[in-house]
Protein backbone atom coordinates (compact mmCIF):
# COMPACT_ATOMS: atom_id res chain seq x y z
CA MET A 1 15.39 50.17 -63.72
CA LYS A 2 17.31 50.31 -67.02
CA LYS A 3 19.22 53.37 -65.88
CA ILE A 4 19.98 51.70 -62.50
CA ARG A 5 21.35 48.61 -64.28
CA GLU A 6 23.46 50.82 -66.54
CA TRP A 7 24.76 52.78 -63.53
CA TYR A 8 25.52 49.57 -61.57
CA SER A 9 27.33 47.87 -64.44
CA GLY A 10 29.41 50.96 -65.06
CA SER A 11 30.26 51.62 -61.40
CA SER A 12 33.48 50.81 -59.62
CA LEU A 13 33.88 47.85 -57.26
CA ALA A 14 33.82 50.14 -54.24
CA ALA A 15 30.59 51.74 -55.44
CA LYS A 16 29.07 48.33 -56.07
CA ILE A 17 30.05 47.18 -52.59
CA ARG A 18 28.60 50.35 -51.12
CA PHE A 19 25.42 49.84 -53.10
CA SER A 20 25.22 46.20 -52.00
CA TYR A 21 25.71 47.24 -48.41
CA LEU A 22 22.94 49.78 -48.84
CA ILE A 23 20.58 47.16 -50.23
CA LEU A 24 21.50 44.83 -47.39
CA LEU A 25 21.36 47.45 -44.66
CA LEU A 26 18.08 49.01 -45.76
CA PRO A 27 15.80 46.17 -44.53
CA VAL A 28 17.93 45.88 -41.42
CA MET A 29 17.48 49.56 -40.65
CA ILE A 30 13.76 49.35 -41.31
CA PHE A 31 13.54 46.29 -39.08
CA LEU A 32 15.53 47.96 -36.32
CA ILE A 33 13.42 51.09 -36.47
CA ILE A 34 10.21 49.06 -36.18
CA ALA A 35 11.66 46.89 -33.40
CA LEU A 36 12.91 49.85 -31.38
CA TYR A 37 9.58 51.62 -31.79
CA ASN A 38 7.66 48.58 -30.54
CA MET A 39 9.98 48.12 -27.58
CA TRP A 40 9.75 51.79 -26.69
CA GLY A 41 5.95 51.60 -26.75
CA SER A 42 5.97 48.43 -24.64
CA ASN A 43 8.34 49.94 -22.10
CA ARG A 44 6.24 53.06 -21.87
CA HIS A 45 3.08 51.04 -21.30
CA TYR A 46 4.86 49.02 -18.63
CA GLU A 47 5.99 52.21 -16.94
CA GLU A 48 2.47 53.64 -16.97
CA MET A 49 1.03 50.48 -15.41
CA ILE A 50 3.71 50.40 -12.72
CA ASN A 51 3.25 54.11 -12.01
CA SER A 52 -0.44 53.38 -11.52
CA VAL A 53 0.30 50.60 -9.02
CA VAL A 54 2.92 52.67 -7.18
CA ALA A 55 0.59 55.66 -6.93
CA ALA A 56 -2.19 53.42 -5.59
CA SER A 57 0.23 51.81 -3.10
CA GLU A 58 1.35 55.17 -1.73
CA PHE A 59 -2.27 56.27 -1.44
CA SER A 60 -3.37 53.18 0.47
CA LEU A 61 -0.33 53.18 2.77
CA ASP A 62 -0.63 56.77 3.97
CA PHE A 63 -4.23 57.90 3.64
CA GLN A 64 -5.92 55.84 6.38
CA GLU A 65 -3.46 56.73 9.16
CA ASP A 66 -3.21 60.41 8.19
CA PHE A 67 -6.95 60.96 7.79
CA ASP A 68 -7.86 59.12 11.03
CA TYR A 69 -5.25 61.10 12.96
CA GLU A 70 -6.27 64.45 11.45
CA ALA A 71 -9.93 63.77 12.29
CA TYR A 72 -8.96 62.86 15.85
CA LEU A 73 -6.99 66.10 16.25
CA LEU A 74 -10.04 68.06 15.10
CA ILE A 75 -12.36 66.22 17.53
CA VAL A 76 -10.12 66.66 20.61
CA GLY A 77 -9.58 70.32 19.81
CA ASN A 78 -5.86 70.22 18.92
CA LYS A 79 -6.80 71.81 15.62
CA THR A 80 -9.52 74.21 14.64
CA GLN A 81 -11.72 73.70 11.59
CA GLU A 82 -9.68 76.34 9.78
CA GLU A 83 -6.41 74.55 10.63
CA SER A 84 -7.73 71.08 9.81
CA MET A 85 -6.38 69.49 6.62
CA LEU A 86 -9.28 67.04 6.21
CA SER A 87 -10.74 68.91 3.25
CA SER A 88 -7.42 69.12 1.43
CA MET A 89 -6.72 65.45 2.16
CA LEU A 90 -10.08 64.48 0.65
CA ASP A 91 -9.40 66.69 -2.36
CA ASP A 92 -5.96 65.12 -2.81
CA ALA A 93 -7.43 61.63 -2.44
CA ASN A 94 -10.11 62.37 -5.03
CA ARG A 95 -7.47 63.67 -7.40
CA VAL A 96 -5.45 60.49 -6.94
CA VAL A 97 -8.52 58.36 -7.65
CA ALA A 98 -9.29 60.45 -10.74
CA ARG A 99 -5.71 60.02 -11.92
CA LEU A 100 -5.92 56.27 -11.38
CA GLN A 101 -9.14 56.20 -13.40
CA SER A 102 -7.30 57.79 -16.27
CA MET A 103 -4.51 55.21 -15.97
CA THR A 104 -6.56 51.99 -15.92
CA ASP A 105 -8.66 50.65 -18.76
CA THR A 106 -10.31 47.64 -17.06
CA ARG A 107 -13.97 47.79 -16.17
CA GLU A 108 -13.46 45.97 -12.85
CA ASN A 109 -10.81 48.40 -11.60
CA LEU A 110 -12.90 51.35 -12.76
CA ALA A 111 -15.73 49.95 -10.62
CA ARG A 112 -13.36 49.66 -7.65
CA LEU A 113 -12.22 53.24 -8.11
CA SER A 114 -15.88 54.27 -8.31
CA SER A 115 -16.40 52.56 -4.93
CA ALA A 116 -13.39 54.45 -3.57
CA GLU A 117 -15.02 57.70 -4.75
CA LYS A 118 -18.19 56.80 -2.85
CA TYR A 119 -16.20 56.04 0.28
CA LEU A 120 -14.44 59.41 0.00
CA THR A 121 -17.84 61.06 -0.39
CA ASN A 122 -18.97 59.33 2.83
CA LEU A 123 -15.84 60.58 4.59
CA GLY A 124 -16.77 64.09 3.49
CA THR A 125 -20.22 63.61 5.02
CA TYR A 126 -18.74 62.39 8.31
CA LYS A 127 -16.35 65.36 8.33
CA GLU A 128 -19.29 67.73 7.97
CA ARG A 129 -21.16 65.99 10.78
CA ILE A 130 -18.13 66.33 13.06
CA GLU A 131 -17.81 70.02 12.20
CA GLU A 132 -21.54 70.58 12.86
CA ASN A 133 -21.22 68.87 16.25
CA LEU A 134 -18.21 71.07 17.07
CA LYS A 135 -20.25 74.17 16.26
CA GLU A 136 -23.12 73.01 18.52
CA GLY A 137 -20.70 72.18 21.37
CA ASN A 138 -20.85 69.45 24.03
CA ARG A 139 -20.94 66.74 21.31
CA TYR A 140 -17.55 65.19 22.00
CA GLU A 141 -18.97 61.69 22.60
CA ASP A 142 -20.98 61.85 19.36
CA ASN A 143 -17.87 62.87 17.42
CA ILE A 144 -15.82 60.06 18.98
CA GLU A 145 -18.55 57.60 17.96
CA ILE A 146 -18.48 58.95 14.39
CA TRP A 147 -14.68 58.69 14.37
CA GLU A 148 -14.60 55.12 15.73
CA ASN A 149 -17.64 53.62 13.98
CA ASP A 150 -17.70 55.52 10.70
CA VAL A 151 -14.46 57.29 9.82
CA GLN A 152 -12.08 54.46 10.72
CA ILE A 153 -14.24 51.81 9.03
CA VAL A 154 -14.59 53.79 5.79
CA THR A 155 -10.88 54.67 5.63
CA SER A 156 -10.17 50.94 6.09
CA LEU A 157 -12.56 50.20 3.21
CA VAL A 158 -10.75 52.78 1.07
CA LYS A 159 -7.48 51.08 1.87
CA GLU A 160 -8.86 47.61 1.05
CA THR A 161 -10.36 48.85 -2.23
CA ILE A 162 -7.06 50.36 -3.34
CA PHE A 163 -5.30 47.09 -2.41
CA GLU A 164 -7.71 45.17 -4.63
CA TYR A 165 -7.00 47.70 -7.38
CA ILE A 166 -3.26 47.03 -7.00
CA TYR A 167 -3.77 43.27 -7.12
CA TYR A 168 -5.72 43.32 -10.35
CA GLU A 169 -3.38 45.87 -11.91
CA LEU A 170 -0.53 43.47 -11.16
CA ARG A 171 -2.47 40.64 -12.72
CA ASP A 172 -3.00 42.73 -15.87
CA LEU A 173 0.68 43.61 -15.80
CA GLN A 174 1.55 39.91 -15.81
CA GLU A 175 -0.80 39.26 -18.73
CA SER A 176 0.68 42.19 -20.63
CA ARG A 177 4.15 40.88 -19.95
CA THR A 178 3.19 37.53 -21.48
CA ARG A 179 1.87 39.22 -24.60
CA TYR A 180 4.94 41.39 -24.90
CA GLN A 181 7.18 38.37 -24.42
CA GLU A 182 5.51 36.71 -27.39
CA VAL A 183 6.03 39.85 -29.44
CA PHE A 184 9.67 40.00 -28.51
CA THR A 185 10.15 36.30 -29.27
CA ASN A 186 8.65 36.79 -32.70
CA MET A 187 10.86 39.81 -33.25
CA VAL A 188 13.97 37.85 -32.30
CA LEU A 189 12.96 35.02 -34.62
CA ALA A 190 12.37 37.46 -37.48
CA SER A 191 15.70 39.13 -36.84
CA LEU A 192 17.47 35.75 -37.02
CA ILE A 193 15.86 35.04 -40.40
CA VAL A 194 16.96 38.45 -41.67
CA LEU A 195 20.45 37.93 -40.30
CA VAL A 196 20.83 34.57 -42.11
CA LEU A 197 19.80 36.18 -45.38
CA LEU A 198 22.06 39.21 -45.00
CA GLY A 199 25.28 37.40 -44.08
CA VAL A 200 27.72 36.77 -41.31
CA LEU A 201 28.51 40.40 -40.63
CA LEU A 202 24.93 41.47 -40.29
CA LEU A 203 24.22 38.30 -38.33
CA LEU A 204 26.86 39.25 -35.80
CA LEU A 205 25.65 42.84 -35.48
CA SER A 206 21.99 41.91 -35.38
CA TYR A 207 22.61 39.21 -32.76
CA ILE A 208 24.39 41.59 -30.38
CA ILE A 209 21.81 44.36 -30.62
CA PRO A 210 18.65 42.28 -30.03
CA LYS A 211 20.36 40.36 -27.24
CA SER A 212 21.35 43.57 -25.46
CA ILE A 213 17.74 44.69 -25.67
CA THR A 214 15.87 41.47 -24.86
CA SER A 215 18.09 40.17 -22.06
CA PRO A 216 17.04 42.78 -19.47
CA ILE A 217 13.43 42.42 -20.58
CA ARG A 218 13.62 38.66 -20.08
CA GLN A 219 15.12 39.27 -16.68
CA LEU A 220 12.23 41.58 -15.83
CA GLY A 221 9.87 38.91 -17.11
CA LYS A 222 11.34 36.38 -14.68
CA VAL A 223 10.98 38.87 -11.84
CA THR A 224 7.32 39.53 -12.66
CA GLU A 225 6.70 35.77 -12.83
CA GLN A 226 8.11 35.36 -9.32
CA VAL A 227 6.07 38.30 -8.05
CA ALA A 228 2.93 36.84 -9.64
CA LYS A 229 3.63 33.59 -7.73
CA GLY A 230 3.82 35.51 -4.46
CA ASP A 231 7.62 35.74 -4.06
CA PHE A 232 8.28 39.37 -3.10
CA SER A 233 11.91 38.79 -2.14
CA VAL A 234 13.12 39.01 -5.78
CA ARG A 235 14.57 42.22 -7.21
CA ALA A 236 15.21 43.37 -10.76
CA GLU A 237 18.94 43.87 -11.50
CA VAL A 238 19.01 45.85 -14.74
CA ASN A 239 22.13 48.04 -14.93
CA THR A 240 20.95 50.32 -17.72
CA THR A 241 19.81 53.92 -17.89
CA ASP A 242 17.19 53.47 -20.61
CA GLU A 243 13.47 52.71 -20.30
CA VAL A 244 14.16 49.10 -19.27
CA GLY A 245 16.41 50.30 -16.46
CA ALA A 246 13.73 52.76 -15.32
CA LEU A 247 11.20 49.94 -15.50
CA GLY A 248 13.45 47.77 -13.31
CA ASP A 249 13.84 50.57 -10.74
CA SER A 250 10.09 51.21 -10.71
CA MET A 251 9.43 47.50 -10.30
CA ASN A 252 11.75 47.33 -7.28
CA VAL A 253 9.97 50.31 -5.70
CA MET A 254 6.64 48.66 -6.43
CA ILE A 255 7.70 45.37 -4.80
CA ASP A 256 8.88 47.23 -1.69
CA LYS A 257 5.57 49.09 -1.48
CA ILE A 258 3.60 45.87 -1.91
CA ASN A 259 5.63 44.20 0.85
CA ASP A 260 4.79 47.04 3.22
CA LEU A 261 1.15 46.98 2.16
CA LEU A 262 0.85 43.20 2.61
CA SER A 263 2.39 43.46 6.05
CA GLN A 264 -0.16 46.08 7.07
CA VAL A 265 -3.04 44.12 5.55
CA THR A 266 -1.92 40.95 7.38
CA THR A 267 -1.86 42.81 10.68
CA GLU A 268 -5.28 44.30 9.98
CA GLN A 269 -6.73 40.90 9.07
CA VAL A 270 -5.46 39.42 12.33
CA ARG A 271 -7.09 42.27 14.25
CA LEU A 272 -10.37 41.85 12.39
CA ARG A 273 -10.42 38.09 12.97
CA LYS A 274 -9.87 38.66 16.69
CA ALA A 275 -12.76 41.10 16.72
CA GLU A 276 -14.96 38.62 14.86
CA PHE A 277 -14.04 35.89 17.32
CA GLN A 278 -14.92 38.12 20.26
CA LEU A 279 -18.22 38.99 18.62
CA LEU A 280 -19.00 35.32 18.04
CA GLN A 281 -18.18 34.44 21.63
CA SER A 282 -20.36 37.25 22.92
CA GLN A 283 -23.30 35.75 21.04
CA ILE A 284 -23.10 32.50 23.00
CA ASN A 285 -24.76 33.34 26.32
CA PRO A 286 -22.97 31.56 29.21
CA HIS A 287 -26.19 31.54 31.24
CA PHE A 288 -27.89 29.63 28.43
CA LEU A 289 -25.14 27.00 28.52
CA TYR A 290 -25.21 26.72 32.32
CA ASN A 291 -28.98 26.45 32.45
CA THR A 292 -29.01 23.86 29.65
CA LEU A 293 -26.42 21.71 31.43
CA ASP A 294 -28.39 22.00 34.69
CA ALA A 295 -31.51 20.86 32.85
CA ILE A 296 -29.61 17.90 31.37
CA VAL A 297 -28.35 16.90 34.82
CA TRP A 298 -31.88 17.20 36.24
CA LEU A 299 -33.32 15.06 33.45
CA ALA A 300 -30.56 12.46 33.85
CA GLU A 301 -31.24 12.22 37.59
CA SER A 302 -34.94 11.78 36.90
CA GLY A 303 -34.18 8.96 34.45
CA ASP A 304 -35.52 10.65 31.33
CA GLN A 305 -32.70 9.35 29.13
CA GLU A 306 -34.50 9.92 25.82
CA THR A 307 -34.92 13.62 26.54
CA VAL A 308 -31.31 13.84 27.73
CA VAL A 309 -30.05 12.33 24.47
CA ARG A 310 -32.24 14.67 22.40
CA MET A 311 -31.18 17.70 24.42
CA VAL A 312 -27.46 16.89 24.20
CA GLY A 313 -27.80 16.38 20.45
CA SER A 314 -29.54 19.74 20.08
CA LEU A 315 -26.87 21.42 22.20
CA SER A 316 -24.15 19.88 20.03
CA ASP A 317 -25.91 21.05 16.85
CA PHE A 318 -26.33 24.51 18.36
CA PHE A 319 -22.63 25.01 19.04
CA ARG A 320 -21.56 23.36 15.78
CA THR A 321 -23.67 25.77 13.73
CA SER A 322 -22.61 28.68 15.98
CA LEU A 323 -18.95 28.13 15.07
CA ASN A 324 -19.60 26.97 11.48
CA GLN A 325 -15.90 26.87 10.52
CA GLY A 326 -15.51 30.62 11.06
CA ARG A 327 -17.84 31.63 8.20
CA ASP A 328 -19.75 34.85 8.68
CA ILE A 329 -22.35 34.24 5.95
CA VAL A 330 -24.46 31.07 5.91
CA SER A 331 -27.51 29.82 4.07
CA VAL A 332 -31.02 30.30 5.44
CA ARG A 333 -31.16 26.52 5.80
CA GLU A 334 -28.10 26.51 8.11
CA GLU A 335 -29.39 29.45 10.14
CA LEU A 336 -32.77 27.74 10.66
CA THR A 337 -30.98 24.54 11.76
CA HIS A 338 -29.17 26.59 14.40
CA VAL A 339 -32.42 28.26 15.57
CA ARG A 340 -34.26 24.92 15.65
CA SER A 341 -31.54 23.45 17.93
CA TYR A 342 -31.88 26.45 20.23
CA LEU A 343 -35.68 26.18 20.39
CA GLU A 344 -35.58 22.42 20.99
CA ILE A 345 -33.36 23.00 24.02
CA GLN A 346 -35.52 25.84 25.34
CA GLN A 347 -38.72 23.88 24.83
CA VAL A 348 -37.42 21.17 27.16
CA ARG A 349 -36.72 23.85 29.78
CA TYR A 350 -39.91 25.84 29.19
CA GLN A 351 -42.27 23.13 27.91
CA ASP A 352 -45.14 24.44 30.05
CA ILE A 353 -44.97 28.01 28.76
CA MET A 354 -43.54 27.91 25.23
CA GLU A 355 -44.51 26.46 21.88
CA TYR A 356 -42.90 27.30 18.54
CA VAL A 357 -43.48 26.93 14.80
CA ILE A 358 -40.96 27.36 11.95
CA ASP A 359 -42.75 28.10 8.69
CA VAL A 360 -40.15 29.12 6.09
CA PRO A 361 -40.64 27.92 2.48
CA GLU A 362 -37.82 25.80 1.08
CA GLU A 363 -37.36 28.19 -1.86
CA LEU A 364 -35.69 30.58 0.61
CA TYR A 365 -33.26 27.97 2.00
CA PRO A 366 -30.41 28.55 -0.51
CA TYR A 367 -30.31 32.33 0.06
CA GLN A 368 -27.60 33.73 2.27
CA ILE A 369 -27.91 35.45 5.64
CA PRO A 370 -25.37 36.63 8.25
CA LYS A 371 -24.70 33.98 10.86
CA LEU A 372 -26.46 34.41 14.24
CA THR A 373 -29.19 36.68 12.83
CA ILE A 374 -32.43 34.86 13.71
CA GLN A 375 -31.37 33.26 17.03
CA PRO A 376 -30.87 36.59 18.93
CA LEU A 377 -34.37 37.65 17.81
CA VAL A 378 -35.85 34.35 19.01
CA GLU A 379 -34.01 34.73 22.32
CA ASN A 380 -35.47 38.21 22.77
CA ALA A 381 -38.95 36.88 21.98
CA LEU A 382 -38.56 34.15 24.63
CA TYR A 383 -36.97 36.11 27.47
CA HIS A 384 -38.67 39.48 26.99
CA GLY A 385 -42.00 38.35 25.60
CA VAL A 386 -43.13 34.79 26.33
CA LYS A 387 -41.54 34.32 29.78
CA ASN A 388 -43.26 37.41 31.16
CA LYS A 389 -46.71 36.25 30.00
CA ARG A 390 -49.16 34.17 31.97
CA GLY A 391 -49.90 30.85 30.33
CA VAL A 392 -48.46 29.30 27.20
CA GLY A 393 -46.69 31.60 24.73
CA HIS A 394 -46.07 30.97 21.06
CA ILE A 395 -43.09 31.85 18.87
CA ARG A 396 -43.43 31.70 15.08
CA ILE A 397 -40.65 32.03 12.50
CA ILE A 398 -42.16 32.83 9.10
CA GLY A 399 -40.48 33.26 5.70
CA VAL A 400 -42.11 35.47 3.04
CA PRO A 401 -40.67 35.58 -0.53
CA GLU A 402 -41.22 38.84 -2.45
CA LYS A 403 -40.36 40.10 -5.93
CA ASP A 404 -36.88 41.52 -5.30
CA SER A 405 -36.41 40.56 -1.65
CA PHE A 406 -37.53 38.18 1.04
CA LEU A 407 -38.59 38.54 4.67
CA ILE A 408 -38.06 36.40 7.75
CA ARG A 409 -40.38 37.35 10.60
CA VAL A 410 -40.04 36.32 14.28
CA GLU A 411 -43.40 36.70 16.03
CA ASP A 412 -44.45 36.11 19.63
CA ASP A 413 -47.70 36.58 21.53
CA GLY A 414 -45.94 37.68 24.71
CA ILE A 415 -46.42 40.85 26.73
CA GLY A 416 -45.45 43.13 23.85
CA MET A 417 -44.27 46.72 24.32
CA THR A 418 -45.88 50.05 24.98
CA GLU A 419 -45.66 52.71 22.29
CA GLU A 420 -43.05 54.58 24.32
CA ARG A 421 -40.90 51.46 24.79
CA LEU A 422 -41.22 50.57 21.10
CA ARG A 423 -40.03 54.06 20.21
CA GLN A 424 -37.01 53.71 22.55
CA VAL A 425 -36.06 50.35 21.06
CA THR A 426 -36.43 51.61 17.47
CA GLU A 427 -34.30 54.69 18.18
CA GLY A 428 -31.72 52.54 20.00
CA ILE A 429 -31.28 50.35 16.92
CA ARG A 430 -30.60 53.42 14.79
CA LYS A 431 -27.95 54.80 17.15
CA LYS A 432 -24.28 53.94 16.69
CA ALA A 433 -23.79 52.76 20.28
CA PRO A 434 -27.02 51.99 22.16
CA ALA A 435 -26.67 51.97 25.93
CA GLU A 436 -29.06 49.10 26.75
CA THR A 437 -27.76 45.55 26.42
CA GLU A 438 -31.01 44.12 25.02
CA ILE A 439 -31.17 46.87 22.41
CA TYR A 440 -27.52 46.26 21.50
CA GLY A 441 -28.37 42.70 20.43
CA LEU A 442 -30.97 44.03 17.99
CA TYR A 443 -28.62 46.80 16.90
CA ASN A 444 -25.88 44.24 16.22
CA VAL A 445 -28.18 42.16 14.00
CA ASN A 446 -29.38 45.25 12.11
CA GLU A 447 -25.85 46.60 11.50
CA ARG A 448 -24.51 43.26 10.25
CA LEU A 449 -27.40 43.00 7.80
CA ARG A 450 -26.76 46.52 6.48
CA LEU A 451 -22.99 45.97 6.26
CA ASN A 452 -23.32 42.74 4.25
CA PHE A 453 -26.35 43.48 2.07
CA GLY A 454 -26.72 47.25 1.86
CA GLU A 455 -28.89 49.98 3.30
CA ASN A 456 -32.15 48.39 2.08
CA SER A 457 -31.67 45.45 4.45
CA GLY A 458 -32.12 45.39 8.22
CA ILE A 459 -34.84 44.78 10.78
CA THR A 460 -38.13 46.46 11.62
CA ILE A 461 -40.13 46.02 14.83
CA GLU A 462 -43.87 46.06 15.42
CA SER A 463 -45.40 45.54 18.85
CA VAL A 464 -48.73 45.93 20.67
CA ASP A 465 -48.79 46.10 24.45
CA ARG A 466 -50.06 42.85 26.03
CA GLU A 467 -50.54 41.28 22.59
CA GLY A 468 -47.09 40.49 21.22
CA THR A 469 -44.13 41.60 19.13
CA SER A 470 -43.03 40.99 15.54
CA VAL A 471 -39.46 41.54 14.30
CA THR A 472 -39.00 41.39 10.51
CA ILE A 473 -35.67 40.76 8.75
CA HIS A 474 -35.44 42.38 5.30
CA LEU A 475 -32.95 40.92 2.80
CA PRO A 476 -32.70 41.82 -0.91
CA CYS A 477 -32.57 39.20 -3.67
CA THR A 478 -29.47 40.73 -5.22
CA THR A 479 -26.95 38.97 -7.50
CA GLU A 480 -24.68 38.52 -4.48
CA ASN A 481 -27.48 36.71 -2.62
CA GLN A 482 -28.86 34.42 -5.34
CA PRO A 483 -29.15 30.74 -4.48
CA SER A 484 -26.54 28.51 -6.05
């Protein structure tokens, strides 16, 4: 220090000015280096996140249509197994999923990508089944069933999973943007303090440089805020060639891809809702309505007003719970209310041949069950069991709680089924498209249970000829089906 003071005191004015500038510029340079490094790291992280979303968007936009079409070409014989690109498409899709797993660091999105891997594995299984059917020959209908009921559903699930991945990546992008904005604000504040201390000249230079850097970032921040609010008409206008400019271009591409994806998802949702509505309507048997109204008219003509009022009330409750505001999943309590309304109506019509008991413990009421699950089983018990029996028949609905699951059993003491008929019904439920209408009702219930609550759920049937039939609904007590 003594030598520095001696050198400074003996130096010329120009040297002193240069030395002063050096002392003043040194913290500025250090600050600028740190600031530029932080901004470069932030921009790079932004670019990686956007690349992840763009890659996922491209995957979800193209994969479903291409895979479904390629599978169809293989089934109809336009392509041989050697010419088919299904294997390469699955390999490419798995590579994309693996790359997305390396890009994301959130546990939820990793779980979604794990689900996508499972779906791709299922697609591989369906592809092998199609190829085996092609080798055996004369299995065109089976392959079309696999294509319609398995391949298209799973590719749709892959698409939906990737869309969810994009949504949560965008949410994380917004959160990251907020954190980075705070960092940049603190940097600007620190730079202003440094500029005040260093003088007017450094203030001017330091003001221009941070402003030129933070302005486009702020603009990108405003764009991401609008996108997070659901406004996909905005576009980033950053006329630079650096990382921020690349980020703006990538963001515009991402917004365009999301617009296309949302449009496709909206169309798909409309189609699915129409299908659900048709399914719901098909569950409401017109003959049941006609017969019920005829019974009400007959009772009214006979002067039995009390029964008419009770029957109309039950019919109203039946249709109210059937529609249930469009919900597909209801509580056991709501489903039993619907079944009770149905049985009350039928007991008026068949009071001489039918009696029923509902014995389900209240501890099962809060659990969830697909709508219109128990009523089709009760209808089968009445029309195919009790009605064909001489004398009074009984229908019992029993609930049985177990350790990790619960059962709901529909029993009747009707005519039952022979072993051969029971085998036909059981096999029909397992098929993808059973031919018999009565079996299709059971198949529909079984498939909706499996789709909503996994492979461990479904129905099983036991029957003894001339003694009765028992249909058991199996539902797991999973975290998704805990009572609230």
